[in-house]
């Protein structure tokens, strides 16, 4: 199976940008060490600082699903409850 690309968009509430950013940054090192993680890169929009984007590549969907069930993700969700305006995840495959 081809690798899985994940694009996750997180829009923080205007008054919670720094909190959400700090919690997202905590996920990077631990996630990059996970089995199946090829890359896990966090971006912040230059025009809208409330908009964060994770660009991720995983060796398989199964290992990404394992990541999604990990404790550090549950901790992030608990820490940012009520602080995120919008959250979308796209599972994608590279075609070219």
N, C-alpha and C. Protein backbone atom coordinates (compact mmCIF):
# COMPACT_ATOMS: atom_id res chain seq x y z
N UNK A 1 0.84 -1.19 0.00
CA UNK A 1 0.00 0.00 0.00
C UNK A 1 0.88 1.25 0.00
N UNK A 2 0.44 2.25 -0.74
CA UNK A 2 1.19 3.51 -0.81
C UNK A 2 1.08 4.25 0.52
N UNK A 3 2.01 5.13 0.72
CA UNK A 3 1.97 5.93 1.95
C UNK A 3 0.70 6.78 1.99
N UNK A 4 0.33 7.17 3.20
CA UNK A 4 -0.84 8.00 3.43
C UNK A 4 -0.39 9.41 3.79
N UNK A 5 -0.95 10.39 3.12
CA UNK A 5 -0.69 11.79 3.44
C UNK A 5 -1.90 12.34 4.17
N UNK A 6 -1.63 13.04 5.26
CA UNK A 6 -2.68 13.67 6.06
C UNK A 6 -2.46 15.18 6.03
N UNK A 7 -3.53 15.91 5.76
CA UNK A 7 -3.52 17.36 5.86
C UNK A 7 -4.58 17.72 6.90
N UNK A 8 -4.12 18.24 8.02
CA UNK A 8 -5.02 18.61 9.11
C UNK A 8 -5.00 20.12 9.28
N UNK A 9 -6.17 20.72 9.19
CA UNK A 9 -6.32 22.17 9.38
C UNK A 9 -6.96 22.42 10.73
N UNK A 10 -6.32 23.27 11.51
CA UNK A 10 -6.81 23.64 12.83
C UNK A 10 -6.96 25.16 12.85
N UNK A 11 -8.16 25.63 13.12
CA UNK A 11 -8.40 27.07 13.24
C UNK A 11 -8.69 27.34 14.72
N UNK A 12 -7.78 28.06 15.36
CA UNK A 12 -7.94 28.40 16.77
C UNK A 12 -8.88 29.59 16.92
N UNK A 13 -9.55 29.66 18.05
CA UNK A 13 -10.32 30.87 18.36
C UNK A 13 -9.32 32.01 18.56
N UNK A 14 -9.71 33.20 18.17
CA UNK A 14 -8.80 34.35 18.16
C UNK A 14 -8.09 34.58 19.49
N UNK A 15 -8.78 34.37 20.59
CA UNK A 15 -8.17 34.62 21.89
C UNK A 15 -7.43 33.41 22.46
N UNK A 16 -7.34 32.33 21.66
CA UNK A 16 -6.69 31.10 22.13
C UNK A 16 -5.54 30.66 21.22
N UNK A 17 -5.08 31.54 20.33
CA UNK A 17 -4.06 31.18 19.35
C UNK A 17 -2.79 30.66 20.03
N UNK A 18 -2.28 31.36 21.00
CA UNK A 18 -1.01 30.96 21.62
C UNK A 18 -1.14 29.65 22.40
N UNK A 19 -2.28 29.45 23.05
CA UNK A 19 -2.51 28.20 23.77
C UNK A 19 -2.53 27.03 22.79
N UNK A 20 -3.30 27.15 21.72
CA UNK A 20 -3.40 26.08 20.72
C UNK A 20 -2.03 25.81 20.10
N UNK A 21 -1.32 26.88 19.76
CA UNK A 21 0.01 26.72 19.17
C UNK A 21 0.94 25.96 20.11
N UNK A 22 0.96 26.32 21.37
CA UNK A 22 1.82 25.65 22.35
C UNK A 22 1.48 24.17 22.45
N UNK A 23 0.19 23.85 22.45
CA UNK A 23 -0.23 22.45 22.56
C UNK A 23 0.10 21.67 21.29
N UNK A 24 -0.04 22.30 20.13
CA UNK A 24 0.31 21.63 18.87
C UNK A 24 1.82 21.35 18.81
N UNK A 25 2.61 22.31 19.25
CA UNK A 25 4.06 22.12 19.25
C UNK A 25 4.49 20.94 20.12
N UNK A 26 3.76 20.68 21.18
CA UNK A 26 4.07 19.55 22.06
C UNK A 26 3.93 18.20 21.35
N UNK A 27 3.11 18.16 20.30
CA UNK A 27 2.85 16.90 19.60
C UNK A 27 3.97 16.48 18.66
N UNK A 28 4.80 17.42 18.24
CA UNK A 28 5.73 17.15 17.15
C UNK A 28 6.77 16.08 17.49
N UNK A 29 7.55 16.30 18.50
CA UNK A 29 8.64 15.37 18.79
C UNK A 29 8.15 13.96 19.08
N UNK A 30 7.12 13.85 19.89
CA UNK A 30 6.61 12.53 20.25
C UNK A 30 6.00 11.81 19.05
N UNK A 31 5.33 12.55 18.17
CA UNK A 31 4.72 11.94 16.99
C UNK A 31 5.78 11.52 15.99
N UNK A 32 6.79 12.34 15.79
CA UNK A 32 7.85 11.98 14.84
C UNK A 32 8.57 10.70 15.23
N UNK A 33 8.53 10.34 16.51
CA UNK A 33 9.18 9.12 16.99
C UNK A 33 8.28 7.88 16.83
N UNK A 34 7.02 8.08 16.45
CA UNK A 34 6.09 6.97 16.33
C UNK A 34 6.40 6.10 15.12
N UNK A 35 6.08 4.81 15.27
CA UNK A 35 6.23 3.87 14.17
C UNK A 35 5.36 4.31 13.01
N UNK A 36 5.93 4.35 11.82
CA UNK A 36 5.18 4.68 10.62
C UNK A 36 5.17 6.14 10.24
N UNK A 37 5.65 7.01 11.12
CA UNK A 37 5.66 8.44 10.81
C UNK A 37 6.85 8.77 9.90
N UNK A 38 6.56 9.27 8.72
CA UNK A 38 7.61 9.69 7.78
C UNK A 38 7.95 11.16 8.03
N UNK A 39 6.92 11.99 8.11
CA UNK A 39 7.11 13.38 8.49
C UNK A 39 5.84 13.91 9.14
N UNK A 40 6.02 14.92 9.98
CA UNK A 40 4.92 15.49 10.77
C UNK A 40 5.28 16.96 10.95
N UNK A 41 4.81 17.79 10.02
CA UNK A 41 5.27 19.17 9.94
C UNK A 41 4.13 20.14 10.22
N UNK A 42 4.36 21.02 11.18
CA UNK A 42 3.36 22.02 11.57
C UNK A 42 3.65 23.35 10.89
N UNK A 43 2.60 23.97 10.36
CA UNK A 43 2.70 25.27 9.70
C UNK A 43 1.69 26.22 10.32
N UNK A 44 2.02 27.52 10.25
CA UNK A 44 1.10 28.57 10.69
C UNK A 44 0.94 29.55 9.54
N UNK A 45 -0.29 29.89 9.23
CA UNK A 45 -0.59 30.77 8.10
C UNK A 45 0.02 32.16 8.33
N UNK A 46 0.67 32.69 7.31
CA UNK A 46 1.32 34.01 7.40
C UNK A 46 0.33 35.16 7.50
N UNK A 47 -0.86 34.97 6.95
CA UNK A 47 -1.87 36.03 6.96
C UNK A 47 -2.87 35.88 8.11
N UNK A 48 -3.08 34.64 8.54
CA UNK A 48 -4.06 34.36 9.59
C UNK A 48 -3.39 33.49 10.66
N UNK A 49 -2.86 34.09 11.71
CA UNK A 49 -2.13 33.33 12.72
C UNK A 49 -2.98 32.31 13.48
N UNK A 50 -4.29 32.38 13.34
CA UNK A 50 -5.16 31.40 14.00
C UNK A 50 -5.23 30.07 13.24
N UNK A 51 -4.71 30.07 12.00
CA UNK A 51 -4.80 28.89 11.12
C UNK A 51 -3.49 28.10 11.18
N UNK A 52 -3.60 26.86 11.64
CA UNK A 52 -2.46 25.94 11.69
C UNK A 52 -2.73 24.77 10.76
N UNK A 53 -1.67 24.21 10.21
CA UNK A 53 -1.81 23.08 9.30
C UNK A 53 -0.72 22.06 9.61
N UNK A 54 -1.12 20.82 9.81
CA UNK A 54 -0.17 19.72 9.89
C UNK A 54 -0.13 19.05 8.54
N UNK A 55 1.07 18.86 8.00
CA UNK A 55 1.29 18.07 6.79
C UNK A 55 2.05 16.84 7.24
N UNK A 56 1.43 15.68 7.06
CA UNK A 56 1.97 14.44 7.60
C UNK A 56 2.03 13.37 6.52
N UNK A 57 3.02 12.50 6.62
CA UNK A 57 3.07 11.30 5.79
C UNK A 57 3.33 10.11 6.69
N UNK A 58 2.57 9.05 6.43
CA UNK A 58 2.63 7.82 7.22
C UNK A 58 2.83 6.64 6.28
N UNK A 59 3.51 5.61 6.76
CA UNK A 59 3.76 4.44 5.92
C UNK A 59 2.49 3.64 5.65
N UNK A 60 1.47 3.76 6.53
CA UNK A 60 0.21 3.07 6.30
C UNK A 60 -0.92 3.77 7.07
N UNK A 61 -2.14 3.52 6.63
CA UNK A 61 -3.30 4.08 7.32
C UNK A 61 -3.43 3.47 8.71
N UNK A 62 -3.09 2.21 8.84
CA UNK A 62 -3.18 1.52 10.12
C UNK A 62 -2.31 2.19 11.18
N UNK A 63 -1.08 2.55 10.80
CA UNK A 63 -0.18 3.19 11.75
C UNK A 63 -0.63 4.63 12.05
N UNK A 64 -1.24 5.30 11.08
CA UNK A 64 -1.80 6.63 11.36
C UNK A 64 -2.97 6.51 12.34
N UNK A 65 -3.80 5.49 12.14
CA UNK A 65 -4.93 5.27 13.05
C UNK A 65 -4.43 4.98 14.47
N UNK A 66 -3.34 4.24 14.57
CA UNK A 66 -2.74 3.98 15.88
C UNK A 66 -2.32 5.30 16.53
N UNK A 67 -1.69 6.17 15.73
CA UNK A 67 -1.30 7.51 16.19
C UNK A 67 -2.52 8.28 16.71
N UNK A 68 -3.62 8.20 15.98
CA UNK A 68 -4.82 8.96 16.35
C UNK A 68 -5.40 8.50 17.68
N UNK A 69 -5.09 7.28 18.09
CA UNK A 69 -5.58 6.77 19.36
C UNK A 69 -4.63 6.94 20.52
N UNK A 70 -3.47 7.56 20.28
CA UNK A 70 -2.45 7.69 21.32
C UNK A 70 -2.83 8.70 22.41
N UNK A 71 -2.24 8.52 23.56
CA UNK A 71 -2.52 9.36 24.73
C UNK A 71 -2.19 10.82 24.48
N UNK A 72 -1.07 11.10 23.80
CA UNK A 72 -0.69 12.50 23.61
C UNK A 72 -1.71 13.27 22.77
N UNK A 73 -2.40 12.58 21.87
CA UNK A 73 -3.45 13.26 21.11
C UNK A 73 -4.67 13.52 22.00
N UNK A 74 -5.00 12.57 22.86
CA UNK A 74 -6.11 12.77 23.81
C UNK A 74 -5.78 13.92 24.76
N UNK A 75 -4.53 14.01 25.19
CA UNK A 75 -4.10 15.11 26.06
C UNK A 75 -4.24 16.45 25.35
N UNK A 76 -3.87 16.50 24.06
CA UNK A 76 -4.01 17.73 23.27
C UNK A 76 -5.48 18.13 23.20
N UNK A 77 -6.34 17.17 22.89
CA UNK A 77 -7.77 17.47 22.76
C UNK A 77 -8.34 18.00 24.07
N UNK A 78 -7.93 17.41 25.18
CA UNK A 78 -8.40 17.87 26.49
C UNK A 78 -7.89 19.29 26.79
N UNK A 79 -6.63 19.55 26.47
CA UNK A 79 -6.02 20.86 26.77
C UNK A 79 -6.60 21.97 25.92
N UNK A 80 -7.09 21.64 24.72
CA UNK A 80 -7.59 22.67 23.80
C UNK A 80 -9.11 22.66 23.66
N UNK A 81 -9.79 21.92 24.51
CA UNK A 81 -11.26 21.87 24.44
C UNK A 81 -11.84 23.27 24.54
N UNK A 82 -12.70 23.62 23.58
CA UNK A 82 -13.32 24.93 23.57
C UNK A 82 -12.44 26.03 22.99
N UNK A 83 -11.23 25.68 22.53
CA UNK A 83 -10.28 26.68 22.03
C UNK A 83 -10.15 26.65 20.50
N UNK A 84 -10.72 25.65 19.87
CA UNK A 84 -10.58 25.46 18.43
C UNK A 84 -11.91 25.76 17.75
N UNK A 85 -11.85 26.66 16.77
CA UNK A 85 -13.03 27.06 16.00
C UNK A 85 -13.42 25.98 15.00
N UNK A 86 -12.40 25.42 14.33
CA UNK A 86 -12.66 24.47 13.26
C UNK A 86 -11.49 23.49 13.16
N UNK A 87 -11.80 22.23 12.85
CA UNK A 87 -10.77 21.20 12.69
C UNK A 87 -11.20 20.27 11.56
N UNK A 88 -10.37 20.17 10.53
CA UNK A 88 -10.66 19.27 9.43
C UNK A 88 -9.44 18.42 9.11
N UNK A 89 -9.66 17.18 8.74
CA UNK A 89 -8.60 16.26 8.38
C UNK A 89 -8.92 15.66 7.02
N UNK A 90 -7.93 15.69 6.13
CA UNK A 90 -8.08 15.05 4.83
C UNK A 90 -7.05 13.94 4.71
N UNK A 91 -7.52 12.75 4.37
CA UNK A 91 -6.64 11.63 4.07
C UNK A 91 -6.42 11.66 2.57
N UNK A 92 -5.15 11.69 2.15
CA UNK A 92 -4.85 11.88 0.74
C UNK A 92 -3.79 10.89 0.27
N UNK A 93 -3.77 10.65 -1.04
CA UNK A 93 -2.76 9.82 -1.67
C UNK A 93 -2.05 10.63 -2.73
N UNK A 94 -0.73 10.53 -2.76
CA UNK A 94 0.05 11.24 -3.78
C UNK A 94 -0.19 10.57 -5.12
N UNK A 95 -0.48 11.35 -6.15
CA UNK A 95 -0.76 10.78 -7.46
C UNK A 95 0.22 11.22 -8.53
N UNK A 96 1.16 12.04 -8.16
CA UNK A 96 2.11 12.48 -9.17
C UNK A 96 3.40 12.95 -8.55
